[in-house]
Amino acid sequence: MEDPASGYDLRNAMQASLGKKRKISYGVIYPLLEKLKEQGFVTIETNAQGRTKKLASLTEAGKKRFYELMQQDVPSGAHRDDIYKIKLDVMQHLPLEQQKELLNQFMEEHQNAIEEAESWILKLSKEGSVDHWYAGKKLDLRLAEAQVAKIWAEKFLKELENRK
C-alpha cells in the first residue's frame, strides 16, 4: 500500500512482522510476486539506478484484493497467529471501525484460549501424575501468552479510540 518495494524490502517487512520463528525466503517471495503480476495485482518495474532492482507496486486491483482479504475472517489452523500478525501490522489502511473489529476479534480469540487453558489446567491439576504436572506447566505458558496478547490488544484498542 505504501511505496514500491523490492523483494528484499518485502521479505524484511514480513520477517519483522512475523518474527524469527517464521523464515521468509526469496525463493517464495519472487515467484509469488510474478504470480501476483500475472493476476494483475502488482506491477513490477526495473530500477536501474545503482544495482538493478525490481520494484513491485500494488495496482488498483491489488488494493481491492487487499481490502477483500482484510475483510475475511482469520481461518482456524496452523497459520492463524501469522495471519493475525500480518493483519495487525497493516490495519492502519482500514477504516477505524474495521480496525476496532479486528482488535475485538483478536481479543476474543485470546479470551477463548485463556478459558481453554484454564479448563485444562484445572483438569490436569486433579490428576496428580508427574506427566500431568509437566503438561500443566506448558499450559501455564499458553495461558500467560494469551493473557499478555489480550492485555496488549485491550490497551491498543483504548489508545486507538483516544487517538482518532
N, C-alpha and C. Protein backbone atom coordinates (compact mmCIF):
# COMPACT_ATOMS: atom_id res chain seq x y z
N MET A 1 0.82 -1.19 0.00
CA MET A 1 0.00 0.00 0.00
C MET A 1 0.87 1.25 0.00
N GLU A 2 2.07 1.12 0.50
CA GLU A 2 2.95 2.27 0.53
C GLU A 2 3.69 2.39 -0.80
N ASP A 3 4.93 2.81 -0.73
CA ASP A 3 5.76 2.99 -1.92
C ASP A 3 6.10 1.66 -2.56
N PRO A 4 6.58 1.71 -3.82
CA PRO A 4 7.06 0.48 -4.46
C PRO A 4 8.13 -0.17 -3.58
N ALA A 5 8.16 -1.50 -3.60
CA ALA A 5 9.10 -2.23 -2.75
C ALA A 5 9.76 -3.36 -3.53
N SER A 6 11.01 -3.60 -3.20
CA SER A 6 11.73 -4.73 -3.80
C SER A 6 11.39 -6.00 -3.02
N GLY A 7 11.76 -7.14 -3.59
CA GLY A 7 11.58 -8.40 -2.88
C GLY A 7 12.33 -8.39 -1.56
N TYR A 8 13.51 -7.78 -1.56
CA TYR A 8 14.32 -7.65 -0.35
C TYR A 8 13.55 -6.87 0.72
N ASP A 9 12.97 -5.74 0.31
CA ASP A 9 12.19 -4.91 1.24
C ASP A 9 10.97 -5.66 1.78
N LEU A 10 10.28 -6.36 0.89
CA LEU A 10 9.09 -7.10 1.29
C LEU A 10 9.45 -8.23 2.25
N ARG A 11 10.55 -8.93 1.97
CA ARG A 11 10.99 -10.01 2.85
C ARG A 11 11.31 -9.46 4.23
N ASN A 12 12.04 -8.34 4.28
CA ASN A 12 12.39 -7.74 5.58
C ASN A 12 11.15 -7.30 6.35
N ALA A 13 10.18 -6.73 5.64
CA ALA A 13 8.94 -6.29 6.30
C ALA A 13 8.18 -7.50 6.85
N MET A 14 8.10 -8.56 6.06
CA MET A 14 7.41 -9.77 6.52
C MET A 14 8.14 -10.40 7.70
N GLN A 15 9.47 -10.42 7.63
CA GLN A 15 10.25 -11.01 8.71
C GLN A 15 10.05 -10.21 10.00
N ALA A 16 10.02 -8.88 9.89
CA ALA A 16 9.79 -8.04 11.07
C ALA A 16 8.40 -8.28 11.64
N SER A 17 7.43 -8.48 10.77
CA SER A 17 6.05 -8.69 11.21
C SER A 17 5.87 -10.05 11.88
N LEU A 18 6.46 -11.08 11.30
CA LEU A 18 6.23 -12.45 11.78
C LEU A 18 7.24 -12.93 12.81
N GLY A 19 8.40 -12.30 12.86
CA GLY A 19 9.41 -12.70 13.83
C GLY A 19 10.32 -13.80 13.32
N LYS A 20 11.28 -14.17 14.14
CA LYS A 20 12.30 -15.14 13.74
C LYS A 20 11.78 -16.57 13.60
N LYS A 21 10.66 -16.87 14.20
CA LYS A 21 10.12 -18.23 14.12
C LYS A 21 9.71 -18.61 12.71
N ARG A 22 9.35 -17.63 11.91
CA ARG A 22 8.87 -17.88 10.55
C ARG A 22 9.91 -17.33 9.57
N LYS A 23 10.51 -18.22 8.81
CA LYS A 23 11.52 -17.81 7.83
C LYS A 23 10.83 -17.50 6.50
N ILE A 24 11.15 -16.34 5.95
CA ILE A 24 10.61 -15.92 4.66
C ILE A 24 11.76 -15.98 3.66
N SER A 25 11.62 -16.80 2.64
CA SER A 25 12.72 -16.97 1.68
C SER A 25 12.45 -16.22 0.39
N TYR A 26 13.53 -15.84 -0.26
CA TYR A 26 13.41 -15.19 -1.57
C TYR A 26 12.83 -16.17 -2.59
N GLY A 27 13.06 -17.46 -2.37
CA GLY A 27 12.52 -18.49 -3.26
C GLY A 27 11.00 -18.56 -3.21
N VAL A 28 10.41 -17.95 -2.21
CA VAL A 28 8.95 -17.85 -2.12
C VAL A 28 8.50 -16.47 -2.59
N ILE A 29 9.23 -15.43 -2.17
CA ILE A 29 8.83 -14.04 -2.48
C ILE A 29 8.77 -13.78 -3.99
N TYR A 30 9.86 -14.08 -4.70
CA TYR A 30 9.92 -13.70 -6.12
C TYR A 30 8.92 -14.46 -6.99
N PRO A 31 8.75 -15.77 -6.83
CA PRO A 31 7.69 -16.43 -7.61
C PRO A 31 6.29 -15.91 -7.26
N LEU A 32 6.08 -15.57 -5.99
CA LEU A 32 4.79 -15.02 -5.59
C LEU A 32 4.55 -13.66 -6.25
N LEU A 33 5.58 -12.83 -6.31
CA LEU A 33 5.44 -11.54 -6.99
C LEU A 33 5.09 -11.73 -8.47
N GLU A 34 5.72 -12.71 -9.11
CA GLU A 34 5.40 -12.99 -10.53
C GLU A 34 3.95 -13.43 -10.68
N LYS A 35 3.49 -14.28 -9.76
CA LYS A 35 2.11 -14.74 -9.80
C LYS A 35 1.14 -13.57 -9.60
N LEU A 36 1.46 -12.70 -8.65
CA LEU A 36 0.61 -11.52 -8.40
C LEU A 36 0.60 -10.59 -9.61
N LYS A 37 1.74 -10.50 -10.29
CA LYS A 37 1.82 -9.69 -11.51
C LYS A 37 0.91 -10.28 -12.59
N GLU A 38 0.98 -11.61 -12.77
CA GLU A 38 0.14 -12.28 -13.77
C GLU A 38 -1.34 -12.10 -13.47
N GLN A 39 -1.69 -12.03 -12.19
CA GLN A 39 -3.09 -11.85 -11.79
C GLN A 39 -3.52 -10.39 -11.84
N GLY A 40 -2.58 -9.49 -12.12
CA GLY A 40 -2.91 -8.08 -12.22
C GLY A 40 -2.96 -7.34 -10.90
N PHE A 41 -2.42 -7.94 -9.83
CA PHE A 41 -2.45 -7.31 -8.52
C PHE A 41 -1.25 -6.41 -8.26
N VAL A 42 -0.15 -6.63 -8.97
CA VAL A 42 1.03 -5.77 -8.83
C VAL A 42 1.61 -5.49 -10.21
N THR A 43 2.34 -4.40 -10.28
CA THR A 43 3.20 -4.14 -11.43
C THR A 43 4.63 -4.27 -10.94
N ILE A 44 5.53 -4.66 -11.82
CA ILE A 44 6.93 -4.77 -11.46
C ILE A 44 7.74 -3.94 -12.44
N GLU A 45 8.47 -2.97 -11.89
CA GLU A 45 9.31 -2.10 -12.70
C GLU A 45 10.76 -2.33 -12.32
N THR A 46 11.63 -2.20 -13.31
CA THR A 46 13.06 -2.35 -13.05
C THR A 46 13.66 -0.98 -12.83
N ASN A 47 14.36 -0.84 -11.72
CA ASN A 47 15.04 0.40 -11.36
C ASN A 47 16.52 0.18 -11.64
N ALA A 48 17.07 0.90 -12.59
CA ALA A 48 18.46 0.69 -12.99
C ALA A 48 19.44 1.63 -12.30
N GLN A 49 18.99 2.38 -11.32
CA GLN A 49 19.90 3.27 -10.59
C GLN A 49 20.74 2.43 -9.65
N GLY A 50 22.05 2.47 -9.82
CA GLY A 50 22.92 1.63 -8.99
C GLY A 50 22.72 0.19 -9.40
N ARG A 51 22.53 -0.67 -8.43
CA ARG A 51 22.24 -2.08 -8.73
C ARG A 51 20.83 -2.20 -9.28
N THR A 52 20.66 -3.06 -10.26
CA THR A 52 19.34 -3.26 -10.84
C THR A 52 18.42 -3.87 -9.79
N LYS A 53 17.26 -3.26 -9.65
CA LYS A 53 16.30 -3.68 -8.64
C LYS A 53 14.93 -3.75 -9.29
N LYS A 54 14.18 -4.79 -8.97
CA LYS A 54 12.79 -4.88 -9.41
C LYS A 54 11.91 -4.37 -8.27
N LEU A 55 11.06 -3.40 -8.59
CA LEU A 55 10.19 -2.81 -7.58
C LEU A 55 8.73 -3.16 -7.89
N ALA A 56 8.06 -3.69 -6.90
CA ALA A 56 6.65 -4.07 -7.05
C ALA A 56 5.77 -2.98 -6.45
N SER A 57 4.68 -2.70 -7.16
CA SER A 57 3.68 -1.73 -6.69
C SER A 57 2.30 -2.36 -6.82
N LEU A 58 1.43 -2.07 -5.87
CA LEU A 58 0.06 -2.56 -5.95
C LEU A 58 -0.70 -1.81 -7.04
N THR A 59 -1.49 -2.54 -7.80
CA THR A 59 -2.40 -1.93 -8.76
C THR A 59 -3.72 -1.65 -8.03
N GLU A 60 -4.64 -1.01 -8.72
CA GLU A 60 -5.97 -0.80 -8.12
C GLU A 60 -6.62 -2.15 -7.81
N ALA A 61 -6.44 -3.13 -8.70
CA ALA A 61 -6.98 -4.47 -8.44
C ALA A 61 -6.31 -5.09 -7.22
N GLY A 62 -5.02 -4.83 -7.04
CA GLY A 62 -4.29 -5.34 -5.88
C GLY A 62 -4.79 -4.71 -4.59
N LYS A 63 -5.06 -3.41 -4.64
CA LYS A 63 -5.60 -2.73 -3.46
C LYS A 63 -6.99 -3.27 -3.12
N LYS A 64 -7.80 -3.51 -4.14
CA LYS A 64 -9.13 -4.07 -3.92
C LYS A 64 -9.01 -5.45 -3.29
N ARG A 65 -8.08 -6.27 -3.79
CA ARG A 65 -7.89 -7.62 -3.24
C ARG A 65 -7.40 -7.54 -1.79
N PHE A 66 -6.52 -6.58 -1.50
CA PHE A 66 -6.04 -6.37 -0.14
C PHE A 66 -7.22 -6.15 0.80
N TYR A 67 -8.13 -5.24 0.43
CA TYR A 67 -9.28 -4.95 1.29
C TYR A 67 -10.21 -6.15 1.42
N GLU A 68 -10.35 -6.93 0.35
CA GLU A 68 -11.15 -8.15 0.43
C GLU A 68 -10.55 -9.13 1.43
N LEU A 69 -9.24 -9.32 1.36
CA LEU A 69 -8.57 -10.24 2.28
C LEU A 69 -8.66 -9.75 3.72
N MET A 70 -8.57 -8.45 3.92
CA MET A 70 -8.65 -7.89 5.27
C MET A 70 -10.06 -8.06 5.85
N GLN A 71 -11.07 -8.18 4.99
CA GLN A 71 -12.45 -8.37 5.45
C GLN A 71 -12.72 -9.81 5.86
N GLN A 72 -11.93 -10.74 5.35
CA GLN A 72 -12.17 -12.16 5.63
C GLN A 72 -11.82 -12.48 7.08
N ASP A 73 -12.60 -13.39 7.65
CA ASP A 73 -12.28 -13.88 8.99
C ASP A 73 -10.95 -14.61 8.96
N VAL A 74 -10.24 -14.57 10.06
CA VAL A 74 -8.99 -15.30 10.16
C VAL A 74 -9.35 -16.78 10.33
N PRO A 75 -8.88 -17.62 9.41
CA PRO A 75 -9.26 -19.03 9.48
C PRO A 75 -8.56 -19.77 10.61
N SER A 76 -9.17 -20.84 11.05
CA SER A 76 -8.53 -21.72 12.03
C SER A 76 -7.40 -22.45 11.33
N GLY A 77 -6.42 -22.86 12.10
CA GLY A 77 -5.35 -23.64 11.52
C GLY A 77 -3.98 -23.20 11.99
N ALA A 78 -2.99 -23.83 11.41
CA ALA A 78 -1.61 -23.64 11.85
C ALA A 78 -1.09 -22.22 11.63
N HIS A 79 -1.64 -21.50 10.66
CA HIS A 79 -1.12 -20.17 10.35
C HIS A 79 -1.96 -19.04 10.94
N ARG A 80 -2.88 -19.37 11.81
CA ARG A 80 -3.79 -18.38 12.40
C ARG A 80 -3.03 -17.21 13.04
N ASP A 81 -2.05 -17.52 13.87
CA ASP A 81 -1.28 -16.46 14.55
C ASP A 81 -0.55 -15.58 13.55
N ASP A 82 0.03 -16.20 12.51
CA ASP A 82 0.74 -15.43 11.48
C ASP A 82 -0.22 -14.49 10.76
N ILE A 83 -1.40 -14.97 10.44
CA ILE A 83 -2.37 -14.14 9.72
C ILE A 83 -2.79 -12.96 10.60
N TYR A 84 -3.02 -13.21 11.88
CA TYR A 84 -3.33 -12.09 12.78
C TYR A 84 -2.18 -11.09 12.82
N LYS A 85 -0.95 -11.57 12.91
CA LYS A 85 0.20 -10.66 12.95
C LYS A 85 0.25 -9.79 11.70
N ILE A 86 0.02 -10.39 10.55
CA ILE A 86 0.05 -9.63 9.30
C ILE A 86 -1.09 -8.62 9.27
N LYS A 87 -2.29 -9.06 9.62
CA LYS A 87 -3.43 -8.14 9.60
C LYS A 87 -3.24 -6.98 10.59
N LEU A 88 -2.74 -7.29 11.77
CA LEU A 88 -2.50 -6.23 12.75
C LEU A 88 -1.40 -5.28 12.27
N ASP A 89 -0.45 -5.80 11.52
CA ASP A 89 0.66 -4.99 11.03
C ASP A 89 0.23 -3.98 9.96
N VAL A 90 -0.83 -4.30 9.21
CA VAL A 90 -1.25 -3.42 8.11
C VAL A 90 -2.64 -2.82 8.31
N MET A 91 -3.17 -2.93 9.51
CA MET A 91 -4.54 -2.48 9.74
C MET A 91 -4.71 -0.97 9.66
N GLN A 92 -3.61 -0.22 9.67
CA GLN A 92 -3.72 1.23 9.57
C GLN A 92 -4.34 1.67 8.24
N HIS A 93 -4.41 0.77 7.28
CA HIS A 93 -5.01 1.09 5.98
C HIS A 93 -6.53 0.88 5.97
N LEU A 94 -7.06 0.41 7.09
CA LEU A 94 -8.50 0.16 7.20
C LEU A 94 -9.20 1.33 7.89
N PRO A 95 -10.50 1.48 7.66
CA PRO A 95 -11.26 2.46 8.43
C PRO A 95 -11.21 2.11 9.92
N LEU A 96 -11.36 3.10 10.76
CA LEU A 96 -11.25 2.93 12.21
C LEU A 96 -12.15 1.82 12.74
N GLU A 97 -13.39 1.76 12.29
CA GLU A 97 -14.31 0.73 12.80
C GLU A 97 -13.82 -0.67 12.47
N GLN A 98 -13.23 -0.85 11.31
CA GLN A 98 -12.70 -2.17 10.95
C GLN A 98 -11.45 -2.50 11.76
N GLN A 99 -10.66 -1.50 12.09
CA GLN A 99 -9.51 -1.72 12.96
C GLN A 99 -9.98 -2.20 14.33
N LYS A 100 -11.01 -1.55 14.86
CA LYS A 100 -11.56 -1.94 16.16
C LYS A 100 -12.10 -3.37 16.11
N GLU A 101 -12.79 -3.69 15.03
CA GLU A 101 -13.35 -5.04 14.89
C GLU A 101 -12.24 -6.09 14.85
N LEU A 102 -11.16 -5.80 14.16
CA LEU A 102 -10.03 -6.73 14.11
C LEU A 102 -9.45 -6.94 15.51
N LEU A 103 -9.27 -5.86 16.25
CA LEU A 103 -8.75 -5.99 17.62
C LEU A 103 -9.73 -6.75 18.51
N ASN A 104 -11.01 -6.52 18.34
CA ASN A 104 -12.01 -7.26 19.13
C ASN A 104 -11.98 -8.75 18.81
N GLN A 105 -11.83 -9.09 17.54
CA GLN A 105 -11.72 -10.50 17.16
C GLN A 105 -10.47 -11.12 17.77
N PHE A 106 -9.37 -10.39 17.73
CA PHE A 106 -8.11 -10.85 18.30
C PHE A 106 -8.27 -11.09 19.81
N MET A 107 -8.93 -10.15 20.49
CA MET A 107 -9.16 -10.31 21.93
C MET A 107 -10.06 -11.51 22.22
N GLU A 108 -11.10 -11.69 21.42
CA GLU A 108 -12.00 -12.83 21.61
C GLU A 108 -11.24 -14.14 21.41
N GLU A 109 -10.40 -14.19 20.41
CA GLU A 109 -9.59 -15.38 20.15
C GLU A 109 -8.73 -15.72 21.37
N HIS A 110 -8.13 -14.70 21.95
CA HIS A 110 -7.26 -14.95 23.11
C HIS A 110 -8.06 -15.21 24.39
N GLN A 111 -9.24 -14.63 24.50
CA GLN A 111 -10.11 -14.96 25.64
C GLN A 111 -10.49 -16.44 25.58
N ASN A 112 -10.80 -16.92 24.39
CA ASN A 112 -11.11 -18.35 24.23
C ASN A 112 -9.91 -19.21 24.60
N ALA A 113 -8.72 -18.79 24.21
CA ALA A 113 -7.50 -19.54 24.56
C ALA A 113 -7.28 -19.54 26.07
N ILE A 114 -7.57 -18.41 26.71
CA ILE A 114 -7.44 -18.32 28.18
C ILE A 114 -8.39 -19.31 28.85
N GLU A 115 -9.63 -19.30 28.43
CA GLU A 115 -10.63 -20.19 29.04
C GLU A 115 -10.28 -21.65 28.81
N GLU A 116 -9.81 -21.97 27.61
CA GLU A 116 -9.43 -23.35 27.30
C GLU A 116 -8.24 -23.79 28.16
N ALA A 117 -7.22 -22.94 28.25
CA ALA A 117 -6.04 -23.28 29.05
C ALA A 117 -6.41 -23.44 30.52
N GLU A 118 -7.22 -22.53 31.04
CA GLU A 118 -7.64 -22.63 32.45
C GLU A 118 -8.40 -23.93 32.71
N SER A 119 -9.24 -24.31 31.78
CA SER A 119 -10.01 -25.54 31.92
C SER A 119 -9.08 -26.77 31.95
N TRP A 120 -8.12 -26.79 31.05
CA TRP A 120 -7.18 -27.91 31.01
C TRP A 120 -6.28 -27.92 32.25
N ILE A 121 -5.86 -26.78 32.69
CA ILE A 121 -5.01 -26.70 33.90
C ILE A 121 -5.76 -27.26 35.10
N LEU A 122 -7.01 -26.88 35.23
CA LEU A 122 -7.84 -27.38 36.34
C LEU A 122 -7.99 -28.90 36.25
N LYS A 123 -8.29 -29.38 35.07
CA LYS A 123 -8.47 -30.82 34.87
C LYS A 123 -7.19 -31.58 35.20
N LEU A 124 -6.05 -31.09 34.70
CA LEU A 124 -4.78 -31.78 34.93
C LEU A 124 -4.35 -31.71 36.39
N SER A 125 -4.70 -30.63 37.07
CA SER A 125 -4.30 -30.49 38.48
C SER A 125 -4.96 -31.55 39.36
N LYS A 126 -6.08 -32.08 38.92
CA LYS A 126 -6.79 -33.11 39.68
C LYS A 126 -6.21 -34.50 39.46
N GLU A 127 -5.39 -34.64 38.43
CA GLU A 127 -4.85 -35.96 38.09
C GLU A 127 -3.70 -36.38 39.00
N GLY A 128 -2.77 -35.47 39.24
CA GLY A 128 -1.71 -35.73 40.20
C GLY A 128 -0.48 -36.46 39.71
N SER A 129 -0.42 -36.90 38.46
CA SER A 129 0.79 -37.59 37.99
C SER A 129 1.85 -36.57 37.56
N VAL A 130 3.08 -37.04 37.47
CA VAL A 130 4.19 -36.18 37.04
C VAL A 130 3.95 -35.68 35.61
N ASP A 131 3.48 -36.56 34.73
CA ASP A 131 3.20 -36.17 33.35
C ASP A 131 2.16 -35.06 33.29
N HIS A 132 1.14 -35.17 34.10
CA HIS A 132 0.10 -34.14 34.12
C HIS A 132 0.63 -32.83 34.69
N TRP A 133 1.53 -32.92 35.66
CA TRP A 133 2.13 -31.71 36.22
C TRP A 133 2.93 -30.97 35.15
N TYR A 134 3.75 -31.71 34.37
CA TYR A 134 4.52 -31.09 33.29
C TYR A 134 3.60 -30.51 32.22
N ALA A 135 2.58 -31.24 31.86
CA ALA A 135 1.62 -30.74 30.88
C ALA A 135 0.96 -29.46 31.39
N GLY A 136 0.67 -29.42 32.68
CA GLY A 136 0.10 -28.21 33.28
C GLY A 136 1.03 -27.03 33.19
N LYS A 137 2.32 -27.28 33.35
CA LYS A 137 3.31 -26.19 33.24
C LYS A 137 3.34 -25.63 31.82
N LYS A 138 3.25 -26.48 30.82
CA LYS A 138 3.21 -26.00 29.44
C LYS A 138 1.93 -25.19 29.19
N LEU A 139 0.85 -25.63 29.81
CA LEU A 139 -0.40 -24.88 29.68
C LEU A 139 -0.34 -23.54 30.41
N ASP A 140 0.45 -23.48 31.49
CA ASP A 140 0.67 -22.19 32.17
C ASP A 140 1.28 -21.19 31.20
N LEU A 141 2.22 -21.67 30.38
CA LEU A 141 2.85 -20.79 29.38
C LEU A 141 1.82 -20.34 28.36
N ARG A 142 1.02 -21.26 27.85
CA ARG A 142 -0.01 -20.91 26.87
C ARG A 142 -0.99 -19.89 27.46
N LEU A 143 -1.36 -20.09 28.72
CA LEU A 143 -2.26 -19.17 29.40
C LEU A 143 -1.63 -17.78 29.51
N ALA A 144 -0.38 -17.71 29.93
CA ALA A 144 0.30 -16.42 30.08
C ALA A 144 0.41 -15.70 28.74
N GLU A 145 0.74 -16.43 27.68
CA GLU A 145 0.85 -15.82 26.35
C GLU A 145 -0.49 -15.23 25.90
N ALA A 146 -1.56 -15.97 26.12
CA ALA A 146 -2.89 -15.49 25.74
C ALA A 146 -3.30 -14.28 26.57
N GLN A 147 -2.97 -14.29 27.85
CA GLN A 147 -3.30 -13.15 28.71
C GLN A 147 -2.55 -11.90 28.27
N VAL A 148 -1.27 -12.05 27.98
CA VAL A 148 -0.46 -10.91 27.53
C VAL A 148 -1.00 -10.36 26.21
N ALA A 149 -1.34 -11.25 25.28
CA ALA A 149 -1.86 -10.81 23.98
C ALA A 149 -3.19 -10.06 24.15
N LYS A 150 -4.04 -10.55 25.03
CA LYS A 150 -5.33 -9.89 25.25
C LYS A 150 -5.15 -8.52 25.90
N ILE A 151 -4.27 -8.44 26.89
CA ILE A 151 -4.00 -7.15 27.54
C ILE A 151 -3.42 -6.16 26.54
N TRP A 152 -2.50 -6.63 25.69
CA TRP A 152 -1.91 -5.78 24.66
C TRP A 152 -3.00 -5.22 23.74
N ALA A 153 -3.91 -6.10 23.29
CA ALA A 153 -4.98 -5.68 22.38
C ALA A 153 -5.94 -4.71 23.05
N GLU A 154 -6.26 -4.94 24.32
CA GLU A 154 -7.14 -4.01 25.05
C GLU A 154 -6.51 -2.63 25.13
N LYS A 155 -5.22 -2.59 25.44
CA LYS A 155 -4.50 -1.31 25.53
C LYS A 155 -4.46 -0.63 24.16
N PHE A 156 -4.16 -1.40 23.13
CA PHE A 156 -4.11 -0.88 21.76
C PHE A 156 -5.46 -0.29 21.38
N LEU A 157 -6.54 -0.99 21.69
CA LEU A 157 -7.88 -0.51 21.35
C LEU A 157 -8.18 0.80 22.05
N LYS A 158 -7.84 0.91 23.33
CA LYS A 158 -8.06 2.17 24.06
C LYS A 158 -7.26 3.31 23.44
N GLU A 159 -6.00 3.05 23.13
CA GLU A 159 -5.16 4.08 22.52
C GLU A 159 -5.70 4.49 21.16
N LEU A 160 -6.18 3.53 20.40
CA LEU A 160 -6.74 3.79 19.09
C LEU A 160 -7.99 4.67 19.20
N GLU A 161 -8.84 4.35 20.15
CA GLU A 161 -10.07 5.14 20.34
C GLU A 161 -9.75 6.56 20.80
N ASN A 162 -8.73 6.72 21.61
CA ASN A 162 -8.35 8.06 22.09
C ASN A 162 -7.61 8.86 21.03
N ARG A 163 -6.99 8.18 20.10
CA ARG A 163 -6.17 8.83 19.08
C ARG A 163 -7.02 9.44 17.98
N LYS A 164 -8.08 8.78 17.62
CA LYS A 164 -8.87 9.20 16.45
C LYS A 164 -10.00 10.12 16.84
